[in-house]
Amino acid sequence: MKKDWWTVPRFATLGFAVALVLGSYVEFTNYNRMNPILILISLISCPAALLTLLAMDVDPHTSTAAIFWLFVGLLNASIYALVGSILRKFVWRVPNLGHE
């Protein structure tokens, strides 16, 4: 049985999608009044969003902000891919039945 090589790309896609949703929410709403529980959930699900603390001078609703969130999305996808790789290697072991 082959190892599930789709695990890492799926995790990476999920990480990028989480950052995309968070970035879209920030761009389309007034994020200054964001609920503290929502902030906590977003920082847990998108750890790359911590970079927003370093980018206080990026004006919202500009192309610079969109490029910044693209970078956050790619970084979050990398983090999720790393987690997926670790899980595939150590947790979700596929039994070897001698058919490789």
PDB file of N, CA and C in Angstrom:
ATOM      1  N   MET A   1       0.843  -1.174   0.000  1.00  0.00           N
ATOM      2  CA  MET A   1       0.000   0.000   0.000  1.00  0.00           C
ATOM      3  C   MET A   1       0.892   1.243   0.000  1.00  0.00           C
ATOM      4  N   LYS A   2       0.595   2.191  -0.819  1.00  0.00           N
ATOM      5  CA  LYS A   2       1.383   3.407  -0.898  1.00  0.00           C
ATOM      6  C   LYS A   2       1.045   4.328   0.273  1.00  0.00           C
ATOM      7  N   LYS A   3       2.045   5.130   0.646  1.00  0.00           N
ATOM      8  CA  LYS A   3       1.771   6.148   1.653  1.00  0.00           C
ATOM      9  C   LYS A   3       0.860   7.204   1.047  1.00  0.00           C
ATOM     10  N   ASP A   4       0.069   7.805   1.890  1.00  0.00           N
ATOM     11  CA  ASP A   4      -0.841   8.851   1.429  1.00  0.00           C
ATOM     12  C   ASP A   4      -0.036  10.121   1.181  1.00  0.00           C
ATOM     13  N   TRP A   5       0.423  10.323  -0.032  1.00  0.00           N
ATOM     14  CA  TRP A   5       1.246  11.479  -0.345  1.00  0.00           C
ATOM     15  C   TRP A   5       0.424  12.747  -0.509  1.00  0.00           C
ATOM     16  N   TRP A   6      -0.892  12.633  -0.473  1.00  0.00           N
ATOM     17  CA  TRP A   6      -1.757  13.801  -0.580  1.00  0.00           C
ATOM     18  C   TRP A   6      -1.922  14.537   0.743  1.00  0.00           C
ATOM     19  N   THR A   7      -1.455  13.980   1.836  1.00  0.00           N
ATOM     20  CA  THR A   7      -1.672  14.592   3.140  1.00  0.00           C
ATOM     21  C   THR A   7      -1.047  15.983   3.230  1.00  0.00           C
ATOM     22  N   VAL A   8       0.189  16.111   2.818  1.00  0.00           N
ATOM     23  CA  VAL A   8       0.886  17.394   2.936  1.00  0.00           C
ATOM     24  C   VAL A   8       0.249  18.477   2.057  1.00  0.00           C
ATOM     25  N   PRO A   9      -0.053  18.218   0.786  1.00  0.00           N
ATOM     26  CA  PRO A   9      -0.726  19.263  -0.006  1.00  0.00           C
ATOM     27  C   PRO A   9      -2.106  19.635   0.528  1.00  0.00           C
ATOM     28  N   ARG A  10      -2.812  18.673   1.096  1.00  0.00           N
ATOM     29  CA  ARG A  10      -4.121  18.991   1.674  1.00  0.00           C
ATOM     30  C   ARG A  10      -3.976  19.921   2.873  1.00  0.00           C
ATOM     31  N   PHE A  11      -3.013  19.624   3.724  1.00  0.00           N
ATOM     32  CA  PHE A  11      -2.780  20.493   4.874  1.00  0.00           C
ATOM     33  C   PHE A  11      -2.344  21.883   4.421  1.00  0.00           C
ATOM     34  N   ALA A  12      -1.481  21.955   3.422  1.00  0.00           N
ATOM     35  CA  ALA A  12      -1.023  23.252   2.915  1.00  0.00           C
ATOM     36  C   ALA A  12      -2.188  24.053   2.339  1.00  0.00           C
ATOM     37  N   THR A  13      -3.054  23.391   1.612  1.00  0.00           N
ATOM     38  CA  THR A  13      -4.230  24.064   1.058  1.00  0.00           C
ATOM     39  C   THR A  13      -5.140  24.565   2.163  1.00  0.00           C
ATOM     40  N   LEU A  14      -5.324  23.758   3.191  1.00  0.00           N
ATOM     41  CA  LEU A  14      -6.138  24.178   4.333  1.00  0.00           C
ATOM     42  C   LEU A  14      -5.520  25.393   5.016  1.00  0.00           C
ATOM     43  N   GLY A  15      -4.206  25.404   5.198  1.00  0.00           N
ATOM     44  CA  GLY A  15      -3.542  26.545   5.820  1.00  0.00           C
ATOM     45  C   GLY A  15      -3.690  27.813   5.008  1.00  0.00           C
ATOM     46  N   PHE A  16      -3.562  27.700   3.692  1.00  0.00           N
ATOM     47  CA  PHE A  16      -3.744  28.873   2.841  1.00  0.00           C
ATOM     48  C   PHE A  16      -5.185  29.353   2.873  1.00  0.00           C
ATOM     49  N   ALA A  17      -6.129  28.414   2.895  1.00  0.00           N
ATOM     50  CA  ALA A  17      -7.548  28.789   2.936  1.00  0.00           C
ATOM     51  C   ALA A  17      -7.898  29.493   4.245  1.00  0.00           C
ATOM     52  N   VAL A  18      -7.339  29.033   5.352  1.00  0.00           N
ATOM     53  CA  VAL A  18      -7.595  29.684   6.643  1.00  0.00           C
ATOM     54  C   VAL A  18      -7.088  31.119   6.611  1.00  0.00           C
ATOM     55  N   ALA A  19      -5.883  31.327   6.081  1.00  0.00           N
ATOM     56  CA  ALA A  19      -5.339  32.676   5.980  1.00  0.00           C
ATOM     57  C   ALA A  19      -6.152  33.529   5.011  1.00  0.00           C
ATOM     58  N   LEU A  20      -6.636  32.925   3.941  1.00  0.00           N
ATOM     59  CA  LEU A  20      -7.468  33.658   2.982  1.00  0.00           C
ATOM     60  C   LEU A  20      -8.771  34.125   3.621  1.00  0.00           C
ATOM     61  N   VAL A  21      -9.394  33.250   4.390  1.00  0.00           N
ATOM     62  CA  VAL A  21     -10.639  33.621   5.067  1.00  0.00           C
ATOM     63  C   VAL A  21     -10.383  34.726   6.087  1.00  0.00           C
ATOM     64  N   LEU A  22      -9.319  34.589   6.862  1.00  0.00           N
ATOM     65  CA  LEU A  22      -9.000  35.598   7.864  1.00  0.00           C
ATOM     66  C   LEU A  22      -8.650  36.933   7.211  1.00  0.00           C
ATOM     67  N   GLY A  23      -7.844  36.896   6.175  1.00  0.00           N
ATOM     68  CA  GLY A  23      -7.498  38.131   5.469  1.00  0.00           C
ATOM     69  C   GLY A  23      -8.709  38.787   4.828  1.00  0.00           C
ATOM     70  N   SER A  24      -9.613  37.978   4.278  1.00  0.00           N
ATOM     71  CA  SER A  24     -10.836  38.527   3.688  1.00  0.00           C
ATOM     72  C   SER A  24     -11.720  39.150   4.765  1.00  0.00           C
ATOM     73  N   TYR A  25     -11.800  38.500   5.910  1.00  0.00           N
ATOM     74  CA  TYR A  25     -12.597  39.042   7.006  1.00  0.00           C
ATOM     75  C   TYR A  25     -12.039  40.388   7.457  1.00  0.00           C
ATOM     76  N   VAL A  26     -10.723  40.457   7.568  1.00  0.00           N
ATOM     77  CA  VAL A  26     -10.093  41.704   8.010  1.00  0.00           C
ATOM     78  C   VAL A  26     -10.292  42.806   6.976  1.00  0.00           C
ATOM     79  N   GLU A  27     -10.232  42.463   5.711  1.00  0.00           N
ATOM     80  CA  GLU A  27     -10.375  43.472   4.668  1.00  0.00           C
ATOM     81  C   GLU A  27     -11.812  43.956   4.482  1.00  0.00           C
ATOM     82  N   PHE A  28     -12.783  43.093   4.740  1.00  0.00           N
ATOM     83  CA  PHE A  28     -14.168  43.464   4.466  1.00  0.00           C
ATOM     84  C   PHE A  28     -14.951  43.911   5.691  1.00  0.00           C
ATOM     85  N   THR A  29     -14.334  43.874   6.853  1.00  0.00           N
ATOM     86  CA  THR A  29     -15.030  44.309   8.073  1.00  0.00           C
ATOM     87  C   THR A  29     -14.175  45.324   8.806  1.00  0.00           C
ATOM     88  N   ASN A  30     -14.737  45.853   9.877  1.00  0.00           N
ATOM     89  CA  ASN A  30     -13.996  46.761  10.730  1.00  0.00           C
ATOM     90  C   ASN A  30     -13.277  45.928  11.778  1.00  0.00           C
ATOM     91  N   TYR A  31     -12.039  45.579  11.503  1.00  0.00           N
ATOM     92  CA  TYR A  31     -11.316  44.656  12.369  1.00  0.00           C
ATOM     93  C   TYR A  31     -10.857  45.303  13.677  1.00  0.00           C
ATOM     94  N   ASN A  32     -11.038  46.620  13.844  1.00  0.00           N
ATOM     95  CA  ASN A  32     -10.665  47.256  15.106  1.00  0.00           C
ATOM     96  C   ASN A  32     -11.570  46.797  16.246  1.00  0.00           C
ATOM     97  N   ARG A  33     -12.766  46.361  15.928  1.00  0.00           N
ATOM     98  CA  ARG A  33     -13.722  45.913  16.940  1.00  0.00           C
ATOM     99  C   ARG A  33     -13.876  44.400  16.938  1.00  0.00           C
ATOM    100  N   MET A  34     -12.823  43.700  16.652  1.00  0.00           N
ATOM    101  CA  MET A  34     -12.871  42.251  16.579  1.00  0.00           C
ATOM    102  C   MET A  34     -13.006  41.661  17.981  1.00  0.00           C
ATOM    103  N   ASN A  35     -13.901  40.706  18.124  1.00  0.00           N
ATOM    104  CA  ASN A  35     -14.150  40.041  19.392  1.00  0.00           C
ATOM    105  C   ASN A  35     -12.868  39.350  19.873  1.00  0.00           C
ATOM    106  N   PRO A  36     -12.508  39.465  21.161  1.00  0.00           N
ATOM    107  CA  PRO A  36     -11.279  38.831  21.655  1.00  0.00           C
ATOM    108  C   PRO A  36     -11.263  37.312  21.464  1.00  0.00           C
ATOM    109  N   ILE A  37     -12.422  36.668  21.575  1.00  0.00           N
ATOM    110  CA  ILE A  37     -12.482  35.224  21.333  1.00  0.00           C
ATOM    111  C   ILE A  37     -12.146  34.932  19.873  1.00  0.00           C
ATOM    112  N   LEU A  38     -12.638  35.750  18.964  1.00  0.00           N
ATOM    113  CA  LEU A  38     -12.354  35.582  17.542  1.00  0.00           C
ATOM    114  C   LEU A  38     -10.874  35.828  17.249  1.00  0.00           C
ATOM    115  N   ILE A  39     -10.280  36.773  17.954  1.00  0.00           N
ATOM    116  CA  ILE A  39      -8.845  37.015  17.788  1.00  0.00           C
ATOM    117  C   ILE A  39      -8.058  35.797  18.226  1.00  0.00           C
ATOM    118  N   LEU A  40      -8.423  35.215  19.351  1.00  0.00           N
ATOM    119  CA  LEU A  40      -7.736  34.034  19.850  1.00  0.00           C
ATOM    120  C   LEU A  40      -7.877  32.860  18.882  1.00  0.00           C
ATOM    121  N   ILE A  41      -9.078  32.636  18.370  1.00  0.00           N
ATOM    122  CA  ILE A  41      -9.307  31.549  17.411  1.00  0.00           C
ATOM    123  C   ILE A  41      -8.508  31.785  16.131  1.00  0.00           C
ATOM    124  N   SER A  42      -8.464  33.020  15.674  1.00  0.00           N
ATOM    125  CA  SER A  42      -7.734  33.295  14.440  1.00  0.00           C
ATOM    126  C   SER A  42      -6.227  33.138  14.630  1.00  0.00           C
ATOM    127  N   LEU A  43      -5.708  33.485  15.798  1.00  0.00           N
ATOM    128  CA  LEU A  43      -4.275  33.317  16.028  1.00  0.00           C
ATOM    129  C   LEU A  43      -3.887  31.857  16.212  1.00  0.00           C
ATOM    130  N   ILE A  44      -4.810  31.049  16.740  1.00  0.00           N
ATOM    131  CA  ILE A  44      -4.530  29.623  16.864  1.00  0.00           C
ATOM    132  C   ILE A  44      -4.595  28.950  15.495  1.00  0.00           C
ATOM    133  N   SER A  45      -5.594  29.315  14.699  1.00  0.00           N
ATOM    134  CA  SER A  45      -5.757  28.673  13.396  1.00  0.00           C
ATOM    135  C   SER A  45      -4.832  29.248  12.327  1.00  0.00           C
ATOM    136  N   CYS A  46      -4.332  30.459  12.543  1.00  0.00           N
ATOM    137  CA  CYS A  46      -3.430  31.093  11.576  1.00  0.00           C
ATOM    138  C   CYS A  46      -2.276  31.741  12.330  1.00  0.00           C
ATOM    139  N   PRO A  47      -1.295  30.934  12.751  1.00  0.00           N
ATOM    140  CA  PRO A  47      -0.198  31.505  13.521  1.00  0.00           C
ATOM    141  C   PRO A  47       0.631  32.525  12.741  1.00  0.00           C
ATOM    142  N   ALA A  48       0.607  32.465  11.440  1.00  0.00           N
ATOM    143  CA  ALA A  48       1.346  33.442  10.631  1.00  0.00           C
ATOM    144  C   ALA A  48       0.734  34.829  10.737  1.00  0.00           C
ATOM    145  N   ALA A  49      -0.494  34.923  11.227  1.00  0.00           N
ATOM    146  CA  ALA A  49      -1.143  36.221  11.389  1.00  0.00           C
ATOM    147  C   ALA A  49      -0.474  37.057  12.470  1.00  0.00           C
ATOM    148  N   LEU A  50       0.393  36.449  13.257  1.00  0.00           N
ATOM    149  CA  LEU A  50       1.154  37.228  14.238  1.00  0.00           C
ATOM    150  C   LEU A  50       2.058  38.252  13.557  1.00  0.00           C
ATOM    151  N   LEU A  51       2.339  38.040  12.282  1.00  0.00           N
ATOM    152  CA  LEU A  51       3.136  39.014  11.535  1.00  0.00           C
ATOM    153  C   LEU A  51       2.431  40.352  11.402  1.00  0.00           C
ATOM    154  N   THR A  52       1.134  40.373  11.600  1.00  0.00           N
ATOM    155  CA  THR A  52       0.410  41.638  11.502  1.00  0.00           C
ATOM    156  C   THR A  52       0.851  42.614  12.587  1.00  0.00           C
ATOM    157  N   LEU A  53       1.421  42.102  13.653  1.00  0.00           N
ATOM    158  CA  LEU A  53       1.949  42.997  14.682  1.00  0.00           C
ATOM    159  C   LEU A  53       3.158  43.779  14.167  1.00  0.00           C
ATOM    160  N   LEU A  54       3.884  43.207  13.237  1.00  0.00           N
ATOM    161  CA  LEU A  54       5.042  43.884  12.660  1.00  0.00           C
ATOM    162  C   LEU A  54       4.663  44.810  11.513  1.00  0.00           C
ATOM    163  N   ALA A  55       3.451  44.699  11.029  1.00  0.00           N
ATOM    164  CA  ALA A  55       3.034  45.461   9.849  1.00  0.00           C
ATOM    165  C   ALA A  55       1.950  46.473  10.196  1.00  0.00           C
ATOM    166  N   MET A  56       2.153  47.185  11.270  1.00  0.00           N
ATOM    167  CA  MET A  56       1.152  48.180  11.672  1.00  0.00           C
ATOM    168  C   MET A  56       1.070  49.347  10.692  1.00  0.00           C
ATOM    169  N   ASP A  57       2.139  49.580   9.925  1.00  0.00           N
ATOM    170  CA  ASP A  57       2.129  50.699   8.993  1.00  0.00           C
ATOM    171  C   ASP A  57       1.534  50.354   7.631  1.00  0.00           C
ATOM    172  N   VAL A  58       1.101  49.110   7.442  1.00  0.00           N
ATOM    173  CA  VAL A  58       0.454  48.718   6.187  1.00  0.00           C
ATOM    174  C   VAL A  58      -0.994  49.204   6.228  1.00  0.00           C
ATOM    175  N   ASP A  59      -1.337  50.038   5.265  1.00  0.00           N
ATOM    176  CA  ASP A  59      -2.700  50.571   5.219  1.00  0.00           C
ATOM    177  C   ASP A  59      -3.675  49.498   4.771  1.00  0.00           C
ATOM    178  N   PRO A  60      -4.778  49.342   5.498  1.00  0.00           N
ATOM    179  CA  PRO A  60      -5.765  48.348   5.072  1.00  0.00           C
ATOM    180  C   PRO A  60      -6.450  48.774   3.775  1.00  0.00           C
ATOM    181  N   HIS A  61      -6.985  47.800   3.077  1.00  0.00           N
ATOM    182  CA  HIS A  61      -7.747  48.007   1.841  1.00  0.00           C
ATOM    183  C   HIS A  61      -6.871  48.568   0.715  1.00  0.00           C
ATOM    184  N   THR A  62      -5.585  48.192   0.696  1.00  0.00           N
ATOM    185  CA  THR A  62      -4.684  48.600  -0.378  1.00  0.00           C
ATOM    186  C   THR A  62      -4.056  47.354  -0.996  1.00  0.00           C
ATOM    187  N   SER A  63      -3.366  47.573  -2.102  1.00  0.00           N
ATOM    188  CA  SER A  63      -2.680  46.436  -2.727  1.00  0.00           C
ATOM    189  C   SER A  63      -1.531  45.944  -1.852  1.00  0.00           C
ATOM    190  N   THR A  64      -0.932  46.825  -1.069  1.00  0.00           N
ATOM    191  CA  THR A  64       0.117  46.406  -0.147  1.00  0.00           C
ATOM    192  C   THR A  64      -0.427  45.439   0.900  1.00  0.00           C
ATOM    193  N   ALA A  65      -1.616  45.719   1.397  1.00  0.00           N
ATOM    194  CA  ALA A  65      -2.248  44.824   2.370  1.00  0.00           C
ATOM    195  C   ALA A  65      -2.564  43.476   1.739  1.00  0.00           C
ATOM    196  N   ALA A  66      -2.999  43.482   0.488  1.00  0.00           N
ATOM    197  CA  ALA A  66      -3.292  42.219  -0.198  1.00  0.00           C
ATOM    198  C   ALA A  66      -2.020  41.388  -0.393  1.00  0.00           C
ATOM    199  N   ILE A  67      -0.933  42.045  -0.748  1.00  0.00           N
ATOM    200  CA  ILE A  67       0.339  41.335  -0.899  1.00  0.00           C
ATOM    201  C   ILE A  67       0.814  40.817   0.448  1.00  0.00           C
ATOM    202  N   PHE A  68       0.632  41.604   1.491  1.00  0.00           N
ATOM    203  CA  PHE A  68       1.006  41.170   2.831  1.00  0.00           C
ATOM    204  C   PHE A  68       0.219  39.932   3.238  1.00  0.00           C
ATOM    205  N   TRP A  69      -1.095  39.925   2.991  1.00  0.00           N
ATOM    206  CA  TRP A  69      -1.909  38.763   3.356  1.00  0.00           C
ATOM    207  C   TRP A  69      -1.591  37.559   2.472  1.00  0.00           C
ATOM    208  N   LEU A  70      -1.146  37.792   1.248  1.00  0.00           N
ATOM    209  CA  LEU A  70      -0.680  36.684   0.413  1.00  0.00           C
ATOM    210  C   LEU A  70       0.558  36.048   1.041  1.00  0.00           C
ATOM    211  N   PHE A  71       1.473  36.882   1.539  1.00  0.00           N
ATOM    212  CA  PHE A  71       2.658  36.375   2.217  1.00  0.00           C
ATOM    213  C   PHE A  71       2.273  35.615   3.481  1.00  0.00           C
ATOM    214  N   VAL A  72       1.323  36.156   4.246  1.00  0.00           N
ATOM    215  CA  VAL A  72       0.839  35.468   5.452  1.00  0.00           C
ATOM    216  C   VAL A  72       0.221  34.124   5.067  1.00  0.00           C
ATOM    217  N   GLY A  73      -0.536  34.093   3.977  1.00  0.00           N
ATOM    218  CA  GLY A  73      -1.143  32.843   3.520  1.00  0.00           C
ATOM    219  C   GLY A  73      -0.120  31.797   3.127  1.00  0.00           C
ATOM    220  N   LEU A  74       0.926  32.223   2.429  1.00  0.00           N
ATOM    221  CA  LEU A  74       1.972  31.277   2.034  1.00  0.00           C
ATOM    222  C   LEU A  74       2.742  30.767   3.248  1.00  0.00           C
ATOM    223  N   LEU A  75       2.992  31.648   4.202  1.00  0.00           N
ATOM    224  CA  LEU A  75       3.674  31.214   5.416  1.00  0.00           C
ATOM    225  C   LEU A  75       2.794  30.264   6.229  1.00  0.00           C
ATOM    226  N   ASN A  76       1.524  30.561   6.314  1.00  0.00           N
ATOM    227  CA  ASN A  76       0.601  29.678   7.035  1.00  0.00           C
ATOM    228  C   ASN A  76       0.470  28.333   6.322  1.00  0.00           C
ATOM    229  N   ALA A  77       0.463  28.338   5.002  1.00  0.00           N
ATOM    230  CA  ALA A  77       0.424  27.081   4.253  1.00  0.00           C
ATOM    231  C   ALA A  77       1.676  26.261   4.526  1.00  0.00           C
ATOM    232  N   SER A  78       2.811  26.922   4.655  1.00  0.00           N
ATOM    233  CA  SER A  78       4.056  26.208   4.977  1.00  0.00           C
ATOM    234  C   SER A  78       3.993  25.589   6.368  1.00  0.00           C
ATOM    235  N   ILE A  79       3.450  26.315   7.319  1.00  0.00           N
ATOM    236  CA  ILE A  79       3.309  25.789   8.682  1.00  0.00           C
ATOM    237  C   ILE A  79       2.382  24.582   8.687  1.00  0.00           C
ATOM    238  N   TYR A  80       1.257  24.689   8.010  1.00  0.00           N
ATOM    239  CA  TYR A  80       0.312  23.579   7.942  1.00  0.00           C
ATOM    240  C   TYR A  80       0.921  22.382   7.213  1.00  0.00           C
ATOM    241  N   ALA A  81       1.708  22.625   6.156  1.00  0.00           N
ATOM    242  CA  ALA A  81       2.356  21.524   5.441  1.00  0.00           C
ATOM    243  C   ALA A  81       3.360  20.810   6.339  1.00  0.00           C
ATOM    244  N   LEU A  82       4.070  21.569   7.156  1.00  0.00           N
ATOM    245  CA  LEU A  82       5.007  20.959   8.098  1.00  0.00           C
ATOM    246  C   LEU A  82       4.267  20.085   9.109  1.00  0.00           C
ATOM    247  N   VAL A  83       3.162  20.593   9.620  1.00  0.00           N
ATOM    248  CA  VAL A  83       2.346  19.803  10.559  1.00  0.00           C
ATOM    249  C   VAL A  83       1.815  18.546   9.867  1.00  0.00           C
ATOM    250  N   GLY A  84       1.344  18.682   8.637  1.00  0.00           N
ATOM    251  CA  GLY A  84       0.856  17.523   7.891  1.00  0.00           C
ATOM    252  C   GLY A  84       1.942  16.502   7.640  1.00  0.00           C
ATOM    253  N   SER A  85       3.137  16.974   7.353  1.00  0.00           N
ATOM    254  CA  SER A  85       4.258  16.063   7.137  1.00  0.00           C
ATOM    255  C   SER A  85       4.614  15.301   8.413  1.00  0.00           C
ATOM    256  N   ILE A  86       4.620  16.005   9.530  1.00  0.00           N
ATOM    257  CA  ILE A  86       4.917  15.357  10.808  1.00  0.00           C
ATOM    258  C   ILE A  86       3.834  14.342  11.162  1.00  0.00           C
ATOM    259  N   LEU A  87       2.583  14.726  10.967  1.00  0.00           N
ATOM    260  CA  LEU A  87       1.492  13.800  11.267  1.00  0.00           C
ATOM    261  C   LEU A  87       1.547  12.567  10.373  1.00  0.00           C
ATOM    262  N   ARG A  88       1.832  12.760   9.094  1.00  0.00           N
ATOM    263  CA  ARG A  88       1.903  11.625   8.177  1.00  0.00           C
ATOM    264  C   ARG A  88       3.044  10.684   8.542  1.00  0.00           C
ATOM    265  N   LYS A  89       4.144  11.261   8.981  1.00  0.00           N
ATOM    266  CA  LYS A  89       5.308  10.432   9.264  1.00  0.00           C
ATOM    267  C   LYS A  89       5.184   9.675  10.583  1.00  0.00           C
ATOM    268  N   PHE A  90       4.663  10.336  11.623  1.00  0.00           N
ATOM    269  CA  PHE A  90       4.694   9.741  12.950  1.00  0.00           C
ATOM    270  C   PHE A  90       3.350   9.260  13.484  1.00  0.00           C
ATOM    271  N   VAL A  91       2.265   9.844  13.038  1.00  0.00           N
ATOM    272  CA  VAL A  91       0.961   9.511  13.619  1.00  0.00           C
ATOM    273  C   VAL A  91       0.148   8.615  12.697  1.00  0.00           C
ATOM    274  N   TRP A  92      -0.032   9.036  11.464  1.00  0.00           N
ATOM    275  CA  TRP A  92      -0.887   8.297  10.537  1.00  0.00           C
ATOM    276  C   TRP A  92      -0.054   7.365   9.682  1.00  0.00           C
ATOM    277  N   ARG A  93       0.531   6.393  10.291  1.00  0.00           N
ATOM    278  CA  ARG A  93       1.340   5.441   9.535  1.00  0.00           C
ATOM    279  C   ARG A  93       0.431   4.484   8.772  1.00  0.00           C
ATOM    280  N   VAL A  94       0.723   4.333   7.507  1.00  0.00           N
ATOM    281  CA  VAL A  94      -0.031   3.420   6.671  1.00  0.00           C
ATOM    282  C   VAL A  94       0.652   2.055   6.760  1.00  0.00           C
ATOM    283  N   PRO A  95      -0.075   0.994   7.073  1.00  0.00           N
ATOM    284  CA  PRO A  95       0.569  -0.311   7.209  1.00  0.00           C
ATOM    285  C   PRO A  95       1.168  -0.766   5.882  1.00  0.00           C
ATOM    286  N   ASN A  96       2.354  -1.325   5.948  1.00  0.00           N
ATOM    287  CA  ASN A  96       3.039  -1.830   4.769  1.00  0.00           C
ATOM    288  C   ASN A  96       2.650  -3.292   4.577  1.00  0.00           C
ATOM    289  N   LEU A  97       1.994  -3.566   3.489  1.00  0.00           N
ATOM    290  CA  LEU A  97       1.531  -4.927   3.212  1.00  0.00           C
ATOM    291  C   LEU A  97       2.421  -5.614   2.187  1.00  0.00           C
ATOM    292  N   GLY A  98       3.576  -5.033   1.897  1.00  0.00           N
ATOM    293  CA  GLY A  98       4.500  -5.654   0.957  1.00  0.00           C
ATOM    294  C   GLY A  98       4.172  -5.391  -0.494  1.00  0.00           C
ATOM    295  N   HIS A  99       3.339  -4.408  -0.801  1.00  0.00           N
ATOM    296  CA  HIS A  99       2.936  -4.140  -2.176  1.00  0.00           C
ATOM    297  C   HIS A  99       3.594  -2.878  -2.725  1.00  0.00           C
ATOM    298  N   GLU A 100       4.712  -2.447  -2.178  1.00  0.00           N
ATOM    299  CA  GLU A 100       5.333  -1.211  -2.666  1.00  0.00           C
ATOM    300  C   GLU A 100       6.252  -1.450  -3.804  1.00  0.00           C
TER     301      GLU A 100
END
